[in-house]
Amino acid sequence: MINIIFGGSQYDTNSFSKEREMQRVTMSTEIKTAITTACQSAVDVCKDGIVAVLPIGLSLMAITMGIRMAVGFFRSLAN
């Protein structure tokens, strides 16, 4: 009925629904850029945190391992 009133396939309701589907599926470049930038900045913050904490963690692990090895060595001498 819409085709008859407006004169043809130019105002076909199916073309409108197809356009709506296309708009739902695609994302604008601004949104893609914003998401990419946000993810990249989150990765950079995580890397900075790991770089700051990793040397401290490794040094603590080395200290505890060194103490365990030293205690084990002196225990073996005592026995």
PDB file of N, CA and C in Angstrom:
ATOM      1  N   MET A   1       0.817  -1.187   0.000  1.00  0.00           N
ATOM      2  CA  MET A   1       0.000   0.000   0.000  1.00  0.00           C
ATOM      3  C   MET A   1       0.865   1.258   0.000  1.00  0.00           C
ATOM      4  N   ILE A   2       1.979   1.241   0.721  1.00  0.00           N
ATOM      5  CA  ILE A   2       2.868   2.399   0.747  1.00  0.00           C
ATOM      6  C   ILE A   2       3.455   2.641  -0.634  1.00  0.00           C
ATOM      7  N   ASN A   3       3.792   1.566  -1.337  1.00  0.00           N
ATOM      8  CA  ASN A   3       4.336   1.718  -2.689  1.00  0.00           C
ATOM      9  C   ASN A   3       3.334   2.382  -3.611  1.00  0.00           C
ATOM     10  N   ILE A   4       2.069   2.083  -3.462  1.00  0.00           N
ATOM     11  CA  ILE A   4       1.045   2.669  -4.322  1.00  0.00           C
ATOM     12  C   ILE A   4       0.889   4.156  -4.004  1.00  0.00           C
ATOM     13  N   ILE A   5       0.887   4.522  -2.736  1.00  0.00           N
ATOM     14  CA  ILE A   5       0.665   5.928  -2.366  1.00  0.00           C
ATOM     15  C   ILE A   5       1.839   6.793  -2.788  1.00  0.00           C
ATOM     16  N   PHE A   6       3.066   6.359  -2.517  1.00  0.00           N
ATOM     17  CA  PHE A   6       4.233   7.183  -2.806  1.00  0.00           C
ATOM     18  C   PHE A   6       4.847   6.896  -4.166  1.00  0.00           C
ATOM     19  N   GLY A   7       4.325   5.977  -4.885  1.00  0.00           N
ATOM     20  CA  GLY A   7       4.721   5.797  -6.271  1.00  0.00           C
ATOM     21  C   GLY A   7       5.951   4.949  -6.521  1.00  0.00           C
ATOM     22  N   GLY A   8       6.047   3.791  -5.941  1.00  0.00           N
ATOM     23  CA  GLY A   8       7.068   2.871  -6.393  1.00  0.00           C
ATOM     24  C   GLY A   8       8.047   2.422  -5.319  1.00  0.00           C
ATOM     25  N   SER A   9       9.099   1.774  -5.808  1.00  0.00           N
ATOM     26  CA  SER A   9      10.061   1.130  -4.923  1.00  0.00           C
ATOM     27  C   SER A   9      11.008   2.131  -4.265  1.00  0.00           C
ATOM     28  N   GLN A  10      10.924   3.379  -4.643  1.00  0.00           N
ATOM     29  CA  GLN A  10      11.777   4.385  -4.039  1.00  0.00           C
ATOM     30  C   GLN A  10      11.513   4.480  -2.537  1.00  0.00           C
ATOM     31  N   TYR A  11      10.268   4.298  -2.127  1.00  0.00           N
ATOM     32  CA  TYR A  11       9.887   4.376  -0.720  1.00  0.00           C
ATOM     33  C   TYR A  11       9.507   3.015  -0.173  1.00  0.00           C
ATOM     34  N   ASP A  12      10.196   2.010  -0.618  1.00  0.00           N
ATOM     35  CA  ASP A  12       9.912   0.649  -0.181  1.00  0.00           C
ATOM     36  C   ASP A  12      10.287   0.500   1.293  1.00  0.00           C
ATOM     37  N   THR A  13       9.411  -0.120   2.082  1.00  0.00           N
ATOM     38  CA  THR A  13       9.667  -0.268   3.518  1.00  0.00           C
ATOM     39  C   THR A  13      10.826  -1.220   3.774  1.00  0.00           C
ATOM     40  N   ASN A  14      11.063  -2.183   2.873  1.00  0.00           N
ATOM     41  CA  ASN A  14      12.170  -3.110   3.058  1.00  0.00           C
ATOM     42  C   ASN A  14      13.519  -2.398   2.979  1.00  0.00           C
ATOM     43  N   SER A  15      13.621  -1.384   2.116  1.00  0.00           N
ATOM     44  CA  SER A  15      14.896  -0.675   2.016  1.00  0.00           C
ATOM     45  C   SER A  15      15.179   0.096   3.299  1.00  0.00           C
ATOM     46  N   PHE A  16      14.131   0.617   3.949  1.00  0.00           N
ATOM     47  CA  PHE A  16      14.334   1.304   5.219  1.00  0.00           C
ATOM     48  C   PHE A  16      14.804   0.334   6.292  1.00  0.00           C
ATOM     49  N   SER A  17      14.217  -0.844   6.342  1.00  0.00           N
ATOM     50  CA  SER A  17      14.631  -1.812   7.360  1.00  0.00           C
ATOM     51  C   SER A  17      16.058  -2.301   7.092  1.00  0.00           C
ATOM     52  N   LYS A  18      16.429  -2.427   5.822  1.00  0.00           N
ATOM     53  CA  LYS A  18      17.805  -2.824   5.499  1.00  0.00           C
ATOM     54  C   LYS A  18      18.787  -1.741   5.926  1.00  0.00           C
ATOM     55  N   GLU A  19      18.418  -0.471   5.732  1.00  0.00           N
ATOM     56  CA  GLU A  19      19.285   0.618   6.150  1.00  0.00           C
ATOM     57  C   GLU A  19      19.434   0.630   7.672  1.00  0.00           C
ATOM     58  N   ARG A  20      18.354   0.356   8.379  1.00  0.00           N
ATOM     59  CA  ARG A  20      18.426   0.306   9.839  1.00  0.00           C
ATOM     60  C   ARG A  20      19.337  -0.832  10.290  1.00  0.00           C
ATOM     61  N   GLU A  21      19.257  -1.986   9.631  1.00  0.00           N
ATOM     62  CA  GLU A  21      20.136  -3.101   9.975  1.00  0.00           C
ATOM     63  C   GLU A  21      21.590  -2.735   9.737  1.00  0.00           C
ATOM     64  N   MET A  22      21.878  -2.063   8.649  1.00  0.00           N
ATOM     65  CA  MET A  22      23.241  -1.656   8.348  1.00  0.00           C
ATOM     66  C   MET A  22      23.749  -0.678   9.404  1.00  0.00           C
ATOM     67  N   GLN A  23      22.889   0.230   9.867  1.00  0.00           N
ATOM     68  CA  GLN A  23      23.300   1.196  10.877  1.00  0.00           C
ATOM     69  C   GLN A  23      23.537   0.505  12.216  1.00  0.00           C
ATOM     70  N   ARG A  24      22.795  -0.511  12.524  1.00  0.00           N
ATOM     71  CA  ARG A  24      22.983  -1.222  13.782  1.00  0.00           C
ATOM     72  C   ARG A  24      24.292  -2.000  13.796  1.00  0.00           C
ATOM     73  N   VAL A  25      24.680  -2.531  12.659  1.00  0.00           N
ATOM     74  CA  VAL A  25      25.847  -3.404  12.596  1.00  0.00           C
ATOM     75  C   VAL A  25      27.142  -2.599  12.552  1.00  0.00           C
ATOM     76  N   THR A  26      27.165  -1.526  11.786  1.00  0.00           N
ATOM     77  CA  THR A  26      28.405  -0.780  11.614  1.00  0.00           C
ATOM     78  C   THR A  26      28.599   0.227  12.733  1.00  0.00           C
ATOM     79  N   MET A  27      29.867   0.505  13.023  1.00  0.00           N
ATOM     80  CA  MET A  27      30.243   1.484  14.033  1.00  0.00           C
ATOM     81  C   MET A  27      30.928   2.648  13.337  1.00  0.00           C
ATOM     82  N   SER A  28      30.726   3.829  13.844  1.00  0.00           N
ATOM     83  CA  SER A  28      31.388   4.978  13.235  1.00  0.00           C
ATOM     84  C   SER A  28      32.872   4.947  13.572  1.00  0.00           C
ATOM     85  N   THR A  29      33.643   5.642  12.775  1.00  0.00           N
ATOM     86  CA  THR A  29      35.090   5.653  12.978  1.00  0.00           C
ATOM     87  C   THR A  29      35.466   6.346  14.282  1.00  0.00           C
ATOM     88  N   GLU A  30      34.648   7.321  14.706  1.00  0.00           N
ATOM     89  CA  GLU A  30      34.945   7.998  15.971  1.00  0.00           C
ATOM     90  C   GLU A  30      34.841   7.035  17.144  1.00  0.00           C
ATOM     91  N   ILE A  31      33.819   6.176  17.118  1.00  0.00           N
ATOM     92  CA  ILE A  31      33.640   5.197  18.196  1.00  0.00           C
ATOM     93  C   ILE A  31      34.772   4.179  18.163  1.00  0.00           C
ATOM     94  N   LYS A  32      35.136   3.717  16.980  1.00  0.00           N
ATOM     95  CA  LYS A  32      36.237   2.766  16.865  1.00  0.00           C
ATOM     96  C   LYS A  32      37.538   3.368  17.382  1.00  0.00           C
ATOM     97  N   THR A  33      37.781   4.626  17.023  1.00  0.00           N
ATOM     98  CA  THR A  33      38.986   5.305  17.484  1.00  0.00           C
ATOM     99  C   THR A  33      38.970   5.473  18.994  1.00  0.00           C
ATOM    100  N   ALA A  34      37.810   5.827  19.557  1.00  0.00           N
ATOM    101  CA  ALA A  34      37.706   6.009  21.008  1.00  0.00           C
ATOM    102  C   ALA A  34      37.952   4.701  21.746  1.00  0.00           C
ATOM    103  N   ILE A  35      37.376   3.609  21.260  1.00  0.00           N
ATOM    104  CA  ILE A  35      37.565   2.306  21.906  1.00  0.00           C
ATOM    105  C   ILE A  35      39.024   1.865  21.797  1.00  0.00           C
ATOM    106  N   THR A  36      39.608   2.051  20.633  1.00  0.00           N
ATOM    107  CA  THR A  36      41.006   1.671  20.429  1.00  0.00           C
ATOM    108  C   THR A  36      41.926   2.479  21.341  1.00  0.00           C
ATOM    109  N   THR A  37      41.665   3.778  21.431  1.00  0.00           N
ATOM    110  CA  THR A  37      42.480   4.635  22.289  1.00  0.00           C
ATOM    111  C   THR A  37      42.329   4.248  23.753  1.00  0.00           C
ATOM    112  N   ALA A  38      41.104   3.965  24.187  1.00  0.00           N
ATOM    113  CA  ALA A  38      40.869   3.577  25.580  1.00  0.00           C
ATOM    114  C   ALA A  38      41.566   2.259  25.911  1.00  0.00           C
ATOM    115  N   CYS A  39      41.465   1.297  25.029  1.00  0.00           N
ATOM    116  CA  CYS A  39      42.122   0.003  25.271  1.00  0.00           C
ATOM    117  C   CYS A  39      43.639   0.154  25.289  1.00  0.00           C
ATOM    118  N   GLN A  40      44.164   0.956  24.385  1.00  0.00           N
ATOM    119  CA  GLN A  40      45.609   1.162  24.345  1.00  0.00           C
ATOM    120  C   GLN A  40      46.101   1.866  25.602  1.00  0.00           C
ATOM    121  N   SER A  41      45.346   2.850  26.080  1.00  0.00           N
ATOM    122  CA  SER A  41      45.773   3.537  27.306  1.00  0.00           C
ATOM    123  C   SER A  41      45.663   2.604  28.511  1.00  0.00           C
ATOM    124  N   ALA A  42      44.662   1.721  28.538  1.00  0.00           N
ATOM    125  CA  ALA A  42      44.550   0.753  29.638  1.00  0.00           C
ATOM    126  C   ALA A  42      45.730  -0.211  29.619  1.00  0.00           C
ATOM    127  N   VAL A  43      46.137  -0.644  28.450  1.00  0.00           N
ATOM    128  CA  VAL A  43      47.297  -1.535  28.332  1.00  0.00           C
ATOM    129  C   VAL A  43      48.565  -0.819  28.786  1.00  0.00           C
ATOM    130  N   ASP A  44      48.695   0.446  28.402  1.00  0.00           N
ATOM    131  CA  ASP A  44      49.878   1.201  28.808  1.00  0.00           C
ATOM    132  C   ASP A  44      49.934   1.373  30.322  1.00  0.00           C
ATOM    133  N   VAL A  45      48.791   1.628  30.958  1.00  0.00           N
ATOM    134  CA  VAL A  45      48.759   1.774  32.412  1.00  0.00           C
ATOM    135  C   VAL A  45      49.116   0.456  33.088  1.00  0.00           C
ATOM    136  N   CYS A  46      48.597  -0.646  32.562  1.00  0.00           N
ATOM    137  CA  CYS A  46      48.934  -1.968  33.134  1.00  0.00           C
ATOM    138  C   CYS A  46      50.419  -2.263  32.982  1.00  0.00           C
ATOM    139  N   LYS A  47      50.974  -1.954  31.825  1.00  0.00           N
ATOM    140  CA  LYS A  47      52.408  -2.175  31.619  1.00  0.00           C
ATOM    141  C   LYS A  47      53.230  -1.338  32.586  1.00  0.00           C
ATOM    142  N   ASP A  48      52.831  -0.082  32.778  1.00  0.00           N
ATOM    143  CA  ASP A  48      53.560   0.778  33.710  1.00  0.00           C
ATOM    144  C   ASP A  48      53.494   0.225  35.129  1.00  0.00           C
ATOM    145  N   GLY A  49      52.341  -0.299  35.518  1.00  0.00           N
ATOM    146  CA  GLY A  49      52.206  -0.895  36.843  1.00  0.00           C
ATOM    147  C   GLY A  49      53.069  -2.124  37.009  1.00  0.00           C
ATOM    148  N   ILE A  50      53.098  -2.959  35.981  1.00  0.00           N
ATOM    149  CA  ILE A  50      53.926  -4.172  36.042  1.00  0.00           C
ATOM    150  C   ILE A  50      55.404  -3.805  36.098  1.00  0.00           C
ATOM    151  N   VAL A  51      55.799  -2.831  35.294  1.00  0.00           N
ATOM    152  CA  VAL A  51      57.195  -2.407  35.282  1.00  0.00           C
ATOM    153  C   VAL A  51      57.598  -1.835  36.641  1.00  0.00           C
ATOM    154  N   ALA A  52      56.673  -1.173  37.324  1.00  0.00           N
ATOM    155  CA  ALA A  52      56.987  -0.597  38.636  1.00  0.00           C
ATOM    156  C   ALA A  52      57.050  -1.665  39.714  1.00  0.00           C
ATOM    157  N   VAL A  53      56.188  -2.672  39.649  1.00  0.00           N
ATOM    158  CA  VAL A  53      56.079  -3.666  40.719  1.00  0.00           C
ATOM    159  C   VAL A  53      57.024  -4.849  40.512  1.00  0.00           C
ATOM    160  N   LEU A  54      57.336  -5.184  39.289  1.00  0.00           N
ATOM    161  CA  LEU A  54      58.132  -6.376  39.000  1.00  0.00           C
ATOM    162  C   LEU A  54      59.514  -6.374  39.675  1.00  0.00           C
ATOM    163  N   PRO A  55      60.280  -5.306  39.624  1.00  0.00           N
ATOM    164  CA  PRO A  55      61.591  -5.347  40.304  1.00  0.00           C
ATOM    165  C   PRO A  55      61.464  -5.537  41.815  1.00  0.00           C
ATOM    166  N   ILE A  56      60.447  -4.930  42.401  1.00  0.00           N
ATOM    167  CA  ILE A  56      60.245  -5.086  43.851  1.00  0.00           C
ATOM    168  C   ILE A  56      59.909  -6.543  44.172  1.00  0.00           C
ATOM    169  N   GLY A  57      59.019  -7.121  43.401  1.00  0.00           N
ATOM    170  CA  GLY A  57      58.645  -8.519  43.612  1.00  0.00           C
ATOM    171  C   GLY A  57      59.813  -9.472  43.416  1.00  0.00           C
ATOM    172  N   LEU A  58      60.592  -9.225  42.377  1.00  0.00           N
ATOM    173  CA  LEU A  58      61.757 -10.084  42.133  1.00  0.00           C
ATOM    174  C   LEU A  58      62.789  -9.954  43.241  1.00  0.00           C
ATOM    175  N   SER A  59      62.991  -8.751  43.741  1.00  0.00           N
ATOM    176  CA  SER A  59      63.975  -8.591  44.823  1.00  0.00           C
ATOM    177  C   SER A  59      63.495  -9.265  46.098  1.00  0.00           C
ATOM    178  N   LEU A  60      62.208  -9.172  46.408  1.00  0.00           N
ATOM    179  CA  LEU A  60      61.684  -9.861  47.590  1.00  0.00           C
ATOM    180  C   LEU A  60      61.806 -11.376  47.441  1.00  0.00           C
ATOM    181  N   MET A  61      61.528 -11.870  46.245  1.00  0.00           N
ATOM    182  CA  MET A  61      61.656 -13.300  46.006  1.00  0.00           C
ATOM    183  C   MET A  61      63.117 -13.742  46.145  1.00  0.00           C
ATOM    184  N   ALA A  62      64.028 -12.936  45.633  1.00  0.00           N
ATOM    185  CA  ALA A  62      65.446 -13.281  45.744  1.00  0.00           C
ATOM    186  C   ALA A  62      65.894 -13.279  47.194  1.00  0.00           C
ATOM    187  N   ILE A  63      65.415 -12.326  47.974  1.00  0.00           N
ATOM    188  CA  ILE A  63      65.791 -12.276  49.398  1.00  0.00           C
ATOM    189  C   ILE A  63      65.279 -13.510  50.135  1.00  0.00           C
ATOM    190  N   THR A  64      64.006 -13.863  49.918  1.00  0.00           N
ATOM    191  CA  THR A  64      63.453 -15.026  50.624  1.00  0.00           C
ATOM    192  C   THR A  64      64.129 -16.317  50.170  1.00  0.00           C
ATOM    193  N   MET A  65      64.407 -16.426  48.871  1.00  0.00           N
ATOM    194  CA  MET A  65      65.101 -17.630  48.405  1.00  0.00           C
ATOM    195  C   MET A  65      66.514 -17.697  48.970  1.00  0.00           C
ATOM    196  N   GLY A  66      67.185 -16.556  49.040  1.00  0.00           N
ATOM    197  CA  GLY A  66      68.528 -16.524  49.596  1.00  0.00           C
ATOM    198  C   GLY A  66      68.537 -16.923  51.063  1.00  0.00           C
ATOM    199  N   ILE A  67      67.565 -16.433  51.817  1.00  0.00           N
ATOM    200  CA  ILE A  67      67.475 -16.800  53.232  1.00  0.00           C
ATOM    201  C   ILE A  67      67.186 -18.285  53.382  1.00  0.00           C
ATOM    202  N   ARG A  68      66.268 -18.818  52.581  1.00  0.00           N
ATOM    203  CA  ARG A  68      65.959 -20.258  52.656  1.00  0.00           C
ATOM    204  C   ARG A  68      67.177 -21.107  52.315  1.00  0.00           C
ATOM    205  N   MET A  69      67.894 -20.701  51.266  1.00  0.00           N
ATOM    206  CA  MET A  69      69.082 -21.466  50.879  1.00  0.00           C
ATOM    207  C   MET A  69      70.168 -21.391  51.947  1.00  0.00           C
ATOM    208  N   ALA A  70      70.340 -20.215  52.547  1.00  0.00           N
ATOM    209  CA  ALA A  70      71.354 -20.067  53.598  1.00  0.00           C
ATOM    210  C   ALA A  70      70.986 -20.896  54.826  1.00  0.00           C
ATOM    211  N   VAL A  71      69.711 -20.849  55.226  1.00  0.00           N
ATOM    212  CA  VAL A  71      69.275 -21.640  56.381  1.00  0.00           C
ATOM    213  C   VAL A  71      69.433 -23.123  56.090  1.00  0.00           C
ATOM    214  N   GLY A  72      69.063 -23.546  54.902  1.00  0.00           N
ATOM    215  CA  GLY A  72      69.230 -24.951  54.518  1.00  0.00           C
ATOM    216  C   GLY A  72      70.693 -25.366  54.519  1.00  0.00           C
ATOM    217  N   PHE A  73      71.573 -24.479  54.047  1.00  0.00           N
ATOM    218  CA  PHE A  73      73.004 -24.792  54.030  1.00  0.00           C
ATOM    219  C   PHE A  73      73.550 -24.954  55.452  1.00  0.00           C
ATOM    220  N   PHE A  74      73.224 -24.024  56.337  1.00  0.00           N
ATOM    221  CA  PHE A  74      73.731 -24.112  57.718  1.00  0.00           C
ATOM    222  C   PHE A  74      73.101 -25.275  58.471  1.00  0.00           C
ATOM    223  N   ARG A  75      71.884 -25.629  58.148  1.00  0.00           N
ATOM    224  CA  ARG A  75      71.288 -26.819  58.769  1.00  0.00           C
ATOM    225  C   ARG A  75      72.019 -28.076  58.330  1.00  0.00           C
ATOM    226  N   SER A  76      72.390 -28.116  57.062  1.00  0.00           N
ATOM    227  CA  SER A  76      73.113 -29.289  56.577  1.00  0.00           C
ATOM    228  C   SER A  76      74.489 -29.394  57.231  1.00  0.00           C
ATOM    229  N   LEU A  77      75.123 -28.270  57.531  1.00  0.00           N
ATOM    230  CA  LEU A  77      76.415 -28.293  58.223  1.00  0.00           C
ATOM    231  C   LEU A  77      76.258 -28.729  59.671  1.00  0.00           C
ATOM    232  N   ALA A  78      75.134 -28.323  60.280  1.00  0.00           N
ATOM    233  CA  ALA A  78      74.917 -28.662  61.700  1.00  0.00           C
ATOM    234  C   ALA A  78      74.637 -30.136  61.867  1.00  0.00           C
ATOM    235  N   ASN A  79      74.077 -30.749  60.878  1.00  0.00           N
ATOM    236  CA  ASN A  79      73.760 -32.171  61.006  1.00  0.00           C
ATOM    237  C   ASN A  79      74.975 -32.943  60.651  1.00  0.00           C
TER     238      ASN A  79
END
